[in-house]
Amino acid sequence: MLSLVAAGVLLAAGIQMIRNRRNGIRLHWIFIAIKLPVTVLVAVATYLFTATMFRNVPVNTAAGPNAMALMMIAQVSAGLIVSLAYPITLVFLLRSQTAKNYLALLTE
């Protein structure tokens, strides 16, 4: 649900940026503030859910009992990296000198 709110905020931020409004930048920061904790929470919940689901599954691999834990960590890590790629990139872009120069040109 919160990811849907973050998507709506990002859509509104994009519209405001197209209209050359200052609050587009503020909405991007709000998107970041929503997306970062939600993504971490989803990653933790995914790991806990998967660990609980596979707790009683017998492991018959040559890699041993740690293979399932490594698979879960890899899955959660990959999802976390993909989900955080845009918000973290956006932090650096919004703090850049180019963004500050653009912000100085924007209207109310």
N, C-alpha and C. Protein backbone atom coordinates (compact mmCIF):
# COMPACT_ATOMS: atom_id res chain seq x y z
N MET A 1 0.82 -1.19 0.00
CA MET A 1 0.00 0.00 0.00
C MET A 1 0.87 1.26 0.00
N LEU A 2 1.91 1.25 0.85
CA LEU A 2 2.78 2.42 0.89
C LEU A 2 3.58 2.58 -0.40
N SER A 3 3.89 1.48 -1.06
CA SER A 3 4.57 1.58 -2.35
C SER A 3 3.68 2.25 -3.38
N LEU A 4 2.39 1.99 -3.30
CA LEU A 4 1.44 2.65 -4.20
C LEU A 4 1.39 4.15 -3.92
N VAL A 5 1.44 4.53 -2.65
CA VAL A 5 1.48 5.95 -2.28
C VAL A 5 2.76 6.58 -2.82
N ALA A 6 3.88 5.87 -2.68
CA ALA A 6 5.16 6.38 -3.20
C ALA A 6 5.10 6.56 -4.72
N ALA A 7 4.45 5.64 -5.40
CA ALA A 7 4.30 5.75 -6.86
C ALA A 7 3.45 6.97 -7.23
N GLY A 8 2.39 7.20 -6.47
CA GLY A 8 1.56 8.38 -6.72
C GLY A 8 2.31 9.68 -6.46
N VAL A 9 3.11 9.71 -5.41
CA VAL A 9 3.92 10.89 -5.12
C VAL A 9 4.93 11.12 -6.24
N LEU A 10 5.54 10.04 -6.73
CA LEU A 10 6.51 10.17 -7.82
C LEU A 10 5.85 10.66 -9.10
N LEU A 11 4.65 10.19 -9.37
CA LEU A 11 3.90 10.68 -10.54
C LEU A 11 3.61 12.16 -10.41
N ALA A 12 3.14 12.58 -9.24
CA ALA A 12 2.86 14.00 -9.01
C ALA A 12 4.14 14.83 -9.11
N ALA A 13 5.25 14.28 -8.61
CA ALA A 13 6.53 14.99 -8.68
C ALA A 13 6.96 15.18 -10.13
N GLY A 14 6.78 14.15 -10.93
CA GLY A 14 7.13 14.26 -12.35
C GLY A 14 6.28 15.29 -13.07
N ILE A 15 5.00 15.32 -12.77
CA ILE A 15 4.11 16.31 -13.39
C ILE A 15 4.53 17.72 -12.99
N GLN A 16 4.86 17.90 -11.72
CA GLN A 16 5.29 19.23 -11.25
C GLN A 16 6.61 19.64 -11.89
N MET A 17 7.50 18.70 -12.11
CA MET A 17 8.77 19.02 -12.76
C MET A 17 8.55 19.42 -14.22
N ILE A 18 7.63 18.74 -14.89
CA ILE A 18 7.32 19.09 -16.28
C ILE A 18 6.74 20.50 -16.35
N ARG A 19 5.97 20.87 -15.33
CA ARG A 19 5.37 22.22 -15.27
C ARG A 19 6.33 23.27 -14.70
N ASN A 20 7.58 22.88 -14.45
CA ASN A 20 8.61 23.79 -13.92
C ASN A 20 8.21 24.39 -12.58
N ARG A 21 7.73 23.56 -11.68
CA ARG A 21 7.35 24.00 -10.34
C ARG A 21 8.35 23.51 -9.32
N ARG A 22 8.62 24.33 -8.32
CA ARG A 22 9.59 24.00 -7.27
C ARG A 22 9.15 22.80 -6.43
N ASN A 23 7.87 22.66 -6.19
CA ASN A 23 7.45 21.58 -5.30
C ASN A 23 7.67 20.19 -5.90
N GLY A 24 8.05 20.11 -7.17
CA GLY A 24 8.43 18.82 -7.76
C GLY A 24 9.65 18.23 -7.08
N ILE A 25 10.60 19.09 -6.74
CA ILE A 25 11.80 18.64 -6.02
C ILE A 25 11.41 18.13 -4.63
N ARG A 26 10.57 18.88 -3.94
CA ARG A 26 10.13 18.47 -2.60
C ARG A 26 9.38 17.14 -2.66
N LEU A 27 8.55 16.96 -3.68
CA LEU A 27 7.83 15.69 -3.83
C LEU A 27 8.79 14.53 -4.11
N HIS A 28 9.87 14.79 -4.83
CA HIS A 28 10.87 13.74 -5.05
C HIS A 28 11.50 13.32 -3.72
N TRP A 29 11.79 14.30 -2.85
CA TRP A 29 12.35 13.98 -1.53
C TRP A 29 11.34 13.20 -0.68
N ILE A 30 10.07 13.54 -0.81
CA ILE A 30 9.02 12.79 -0.09
C ILE A 30 8.97 11.35 -0.60
N PHE A 31 9.10 11.18 -1.91
CA PHE A 31 9.14 9.84 -2.50
C PHE A 31 10.30 9.03 -1.90
N ILE A 32 11.46 9.65 -1.80
CA ILE A 32 12.63 8.97 -1.24
C ILE A 32 12.37 8.59 0.22
N ALA A 33 11.77 9.53 0.97
CA ALA A 33 11.50 9.28 2.39
C ALA A 33 10.50 8.14 2.58
N ILE A 34 9.60 7.94 1.64
CA ILE A 34 8.64 6.83 1.73
C ILE A 34 9.28 5.54 1.24
N LYS A 35 9.98 5.61 0.12
CA LYS A 35 10.46 4.41 -0.56
C LYS A 35 11.56 3.67 0.20
N LEU A 36 12.50 4.40 0.80
CA LEU A 36 13.62 3.74 1.47
C LEU A 36 13.16 2.84 2.63
N PRO A 37 12.40 3.35 3.60
CA PRO A 37 11.99 2.44 4.69
C PRO A 37 11.04 1.33 4.23
N VAL A 38 10.18 1.63 3.27
CA VAL A 38 9.26 0.60 2.78
C VAL A 38 10.03 -0.53 2.13
N THR A 39 11.05 -0.20 1.36
CA THR A 39 11.85 -1.21 0.68
C THR A 39 12.59 -2.10 1.67
N VAL A 40 13.17 -1.49 2.68
CA VAL A 40 13.88 -2.27 3.71
C VAL A 40 12.89 -3.16 4.47
N LEU A 41 11.73 -2.62 4.79
CA LEU A 41 10.71 -3.40 5.49
C LEU A 41 10.24 -4.59 4.65
N VAL A 42 10.04 -4.37 3.37
CA VAL A 42 9.62 -5.46 2.48
C VAL A 42 10.72 -6.51 2.37
N ALA A 43 11.98 -6.10 2.32
CA ALA A 43 13.08 -7.06 2.24
C ALA A 43 13.14 -7.92 3.50
N VAL A 44 12.99 -7.31 4.66
CA VAL A 44 13.01 -8.07 5.91
C VAL A 44 11.81 -9.02 5.96
N ALA A 45 10.64 -8.53 5.58
CA ALA A 45 9.45 -9.37 5.60
C ALA A 45 9.58 -10.54 4.61
N THR A 46 10.17 -10.29 3.45
CA THR A 46 10.37 -11.35 2.47
C THR A 46 11.30 -12.43 3.01
N TYR A 47 12.38 -11.99 3.64
CA TYR A 47 13.31 -12.97 4.22
C TYR A 47 12.64 -13.79 5.31
N LEU A 48 11.93 -13.12 6.21
CA LEU A 48 11.28 -13.85 7.30
C LEU A 48 10.21 -14.81 6.79
N PHE A 49 9.44 -14.37 5.80
CA PHE A 49 8.41 -15.23 5.22
C PHE A 49 9.04 -16.45 4.54
N THR A 50 10.08 -16.21 3.75
CA THR A 50 10.72 -17.31 3.04
C THR A 50 11.40 -18.27 4.02
N ALA A 51 12.04 -17.72 5.04
CA ALA A 51 12.69 -18.57 6.04
C ALA A 51 11.67 -19.44 6.76
N THR A 52 10.53 -18.87 7.09
CA THR A 52 9.48 -19.63 7.76
C THR A 52 8.90 -20.71 6.83
N MET A 53 8.73 -20.35 5.58
CA MET A 53 8.15 -21.28 4.62
C MET A 53 9.07 -22.49 4.39
N PHE A 54 10.37 -22.24 4.34
CA PHE A 54 11.31 -23.33 4.04
C PHE A 54 11.93 -23.95 5.29
N ARG A 55 11.45 -23.61 6.46
CA ARG A 55 12.04 -24.11 7.70
C ARG A 55 11.99 -25.63 7.78
N ASN A 56 10.90 -26.24 7.34
CA ASN A 56 10.73 -27.69 7.47
C ASN A 56 10.98 -28.45 6.17
N VAL A 57 11.55 -27.78 5.19
CA VAL A 57 11.83 -28.44 3.93
C VAL A 57 13.17 -29.16 4.04
N PRO A 58 13.21 -30.45 3.76
CA PRO A 58 14.49 -31.16 3.83
C PRO A 58 15.43 -30.71 2.71
N VAL A 59 16.68 -30.53 3.06
CA VAL A 59 17.68 -30.07 2.09
C VAL A 59 18.48 -31.27 1.62
N ASN A 60 18.36 -31.59 0.35
CA ASN A 60 19.06 -32.74 -0.23
C ASN A 60 20.05 -32.29 -1.29
N THR A 61 20.77 -31.25 -1.02
CA THR A 61 21.74 -30.75 -2.00
C THR A 61 23.14 -31.07 -1.54
N ALA A 62 24.06 -31.06 -2.47
CA ALA A 62 25.47 -31.29 -2.13
C ALA A 62 26.06 -30.10 -1.39
N ALA A 63 25.41 -28.93 -1.50
CA ALA A 63 25.92 -27.72 -0.85
C ALA A 63 25.69 -27.74 0.65
N GLY A 64 24.80 -28.57 1.12
CA GLY A 64 24.58 -28.69 2.55
C GLY A 64 23.43 -27.85 3.04
N PRO A 65 23.28 -27.76 4.37
CA PRO A 65 22.12 -27.07 4.95
C PRO A 65 22.14 -25.55 4.76
N ASN A 66 23.30 -24.99 4.46
CA ASN A 66 23.38 -23.54 4.29
C ASN A 66 22.94 -23.08 2.91
N ALA A 67 22.69 -24.01 2.01
CA ALA A 67 22.31 -23.64 0.64
C ALA A 67 20.99 -22.88 0.62
N MET A 68 20.04 -23.30 1.42
CA MET A 68 18.74 -22.64 1.43
C MET A 68 18.86 -21.22 2.00
N ALA A 69 19.64 -21.05 3.06
CA ALA A 69 19.84 -19.73 3.65
C ALA A 69 20.53 -18.80 2.67
N LEU A 70 21.52 -19.31 1.95
CA LEU A 70 22.22 -18.49 0.96
C LEU A 70 21.30 -18.09 -0.18
N MET A 71 20.41 -19.01 -0.58
CA MET A 71 19.46 -18.70 -1.63
C MET A 71 18.50 -17.59 -1.20
N MET A 72 18.04 -17.67 0.05
CA MET A 72 17.12 -16.64 0.55
C MET A 72 17.81 -15.29 0.65
N ILE A 73 19.04 -15.28 1.14
CA ILE A 73 19.79 -14.02 1.25
C ILE A 73 20.04 -13.43 -0.13
N ALA A 74 20.37 -14.28 -1.10
CA ALA A 74 20.60 -13.80 -2.47
C ALA A 74 19.32 -13.21 -3.06
N GLN A 75 18.20 -13.87 -2.82
CA GLN A 75 16.92 -13.37 -3.34
C GLN A 75 16.58 -12.01 -2.74
N VAL A 76 16.71 -11.90 -1.43
CA VAL A 76 16.37 -10.64 -0.76
C VAL A 76 17.34 -9.54 -1.17
N SER A 77 18.62 -9.87 -1.27
CA SER A 77 19.62 -8.87 -1.66
C SER A 77 19.38 -8.36 -3.07
N ALA A 78 19.06 -9.26 -3.98
CA ALA A 78 18.80 -8.84 -5.36
C ALA A 78 17.58 -7.93 -5.42
N GLY A 79 16.53 -8.28 -4.72
CA GLY A 79 15.35 -7.44 -4.69
C GLY A 79 15.61 -6.08 -4.07
N LEU A 80 16.43 -6.07 -3.02
CA LEU A 80 16.77 -4.82 -2.35
C LEU A 80 17.59 -3.92 -3.26
N ILE A 81 18.55 -4.48 -3.96
CA ILE A 81 19.39 -3.69 -4.86
C ILE A 81 18.55 -3.09 -5.98
N VAL A 82 17.70 -3.89 -6.57
CA VAL A 82 16.87 -3.40 -7.68
C VAL A 82 15.89 -2.33 -7.18
N SER A 83 15.28 -2.54 -6.03
CA SER A 83 14.28 -1.60 -5.51
C SER A 83 14.90 -0.28 -5.06
N LEU A 84 16.13 -0.33 -4.58
CA LEU A 84 16.77 0.89 -4.08
C LEU A 84 17.59 1.63 -5.13
N ALA A 85 17.72 1.07 -6.31
CA ALA A 85 18.55 1.69 -7.34
C ALA A 85 18.07 3.10 -7.68
N TYR A 86 16.80 3.27 -7.97
CA TYR A 86 16.30 4.59 -8.36
C TYR A 86 16.30 5.59 -7.20
N PRO A 87 15.80 5.25 -6.02
CA PRO A 87 15.81 6.25 -4.94
C PRO A 87 17.23 6.71 -4.55
N ILE A 88 18.18 5.79 -4.51
CA ILE A 88 19.54 6.19 -4.15
C ILE A 88 20.17 7.05 -5.25
N THR A 89 19.94 6.69 -6.49
CA THR A 89 20.42 7.51 -7.59
C THR A 89 19.79 8.90 -7.54
N LEU A 90 18.52 8.94 -7.21
CA LEU A 90 17.80 10.21 -7.12
C LEU A 90 18.38 11.12 -6.03
N VAL A 91 18.82 10.54 -4.92
CA VAL A 91 19.44 11.33 -3.85
C VAL A 91 20.66 12.06 -4.40
N PHE A 92 21.51 11.34 -5.10
CA PHE A 92 22.72 11.97 -5.65
C PHE A 92 22.39 13.00 -6.72
N LEU A 93 21.40 12.71 -7.54
CA LEU A 93 21.02 13.65 -8.59
C LEU A 93 20.41 14.93 -8.01
N LEU A 94 19.57 14.81 -7.00
CA LEU A 94 18.94 15.99 -6.41
C LEU A 94 19.94 16.85 -5.64
N ARG A 95 21.02 16.26 -5.18
CA ARG A 95 22.04 17.02 -4.45
C ARG A 95 23.11 17.58 -5.37
N SER A 96 23.05 17.30 -6.66
CA SER A 96 24.08 17.75 -7.60
C SER A 96 23.96 19.25 -7.87
N GLN A 97 25.02 19.82 -8.35
CA GLN A 97 25.04 21.24 -8.68
C GLN A 97 24.09 21.55 -9.83
N THR A 98 23.97 20.63 -10.76
CA THR A 98 23.05 20.82 -11.88
C THR A 98 21.61 20.95 -11.39
N ALA A 99 21.22 20.12 -10.45
CA ALA A 99 19.86 20.21 -9.89
C ALA A 99 19.67 21.51 -9.13
N LYS A 100 20.68 21.95 -8.42
CA LYS A 100 20.58 23.22 -7.68
C LYS A 100 20.46 24.39 -8.64
N ASN A 101 21.20 24.35 -9.74
CA ASN A 101 21.08 25.41 -10.75
C ASN A 101 19.69 25.40 -11.38
N TYR A 102 19.17 24.22 -11.66
CA TYR A 102 17.84 24.09 -12.24
C TYR A 102 16.78 24.59 -11.26
N LEU A 103 16.95 24.28 -9.98
CA LEU A 103 16.01 24.72 -8.96
C LEU A 103 15.97 26.24 -8.87
N ALA A 104 17.10 26.88 -9.07
CA ALA A 104 17.15 28.35 -9.01
C ALA A 104 16.34 28.99 -10.15
N LEU A 105 16.15 28.26 -11.24
CA LEU A 105 15.41 28.79 -12.38
C LEU A 105 13.90 28.54 -12.30
N LEU A 106 13.49 27.65 -11.41
CA LEU A 106 12.10 27.25 -11.36
C LEU A 106 11.20 28.32 -10.77
N THR A 107 9.94 28.28 -11.18
CA THR A 107 8.95 29.19 -10.62
C THR A 107 8.36 28.59 -9.36
N GLU A 108 7.50 29.31 -8.75
CA GLU A 108 6.86 28.89 -7.50
C GLU A 108 6.18 27.58 -7.70
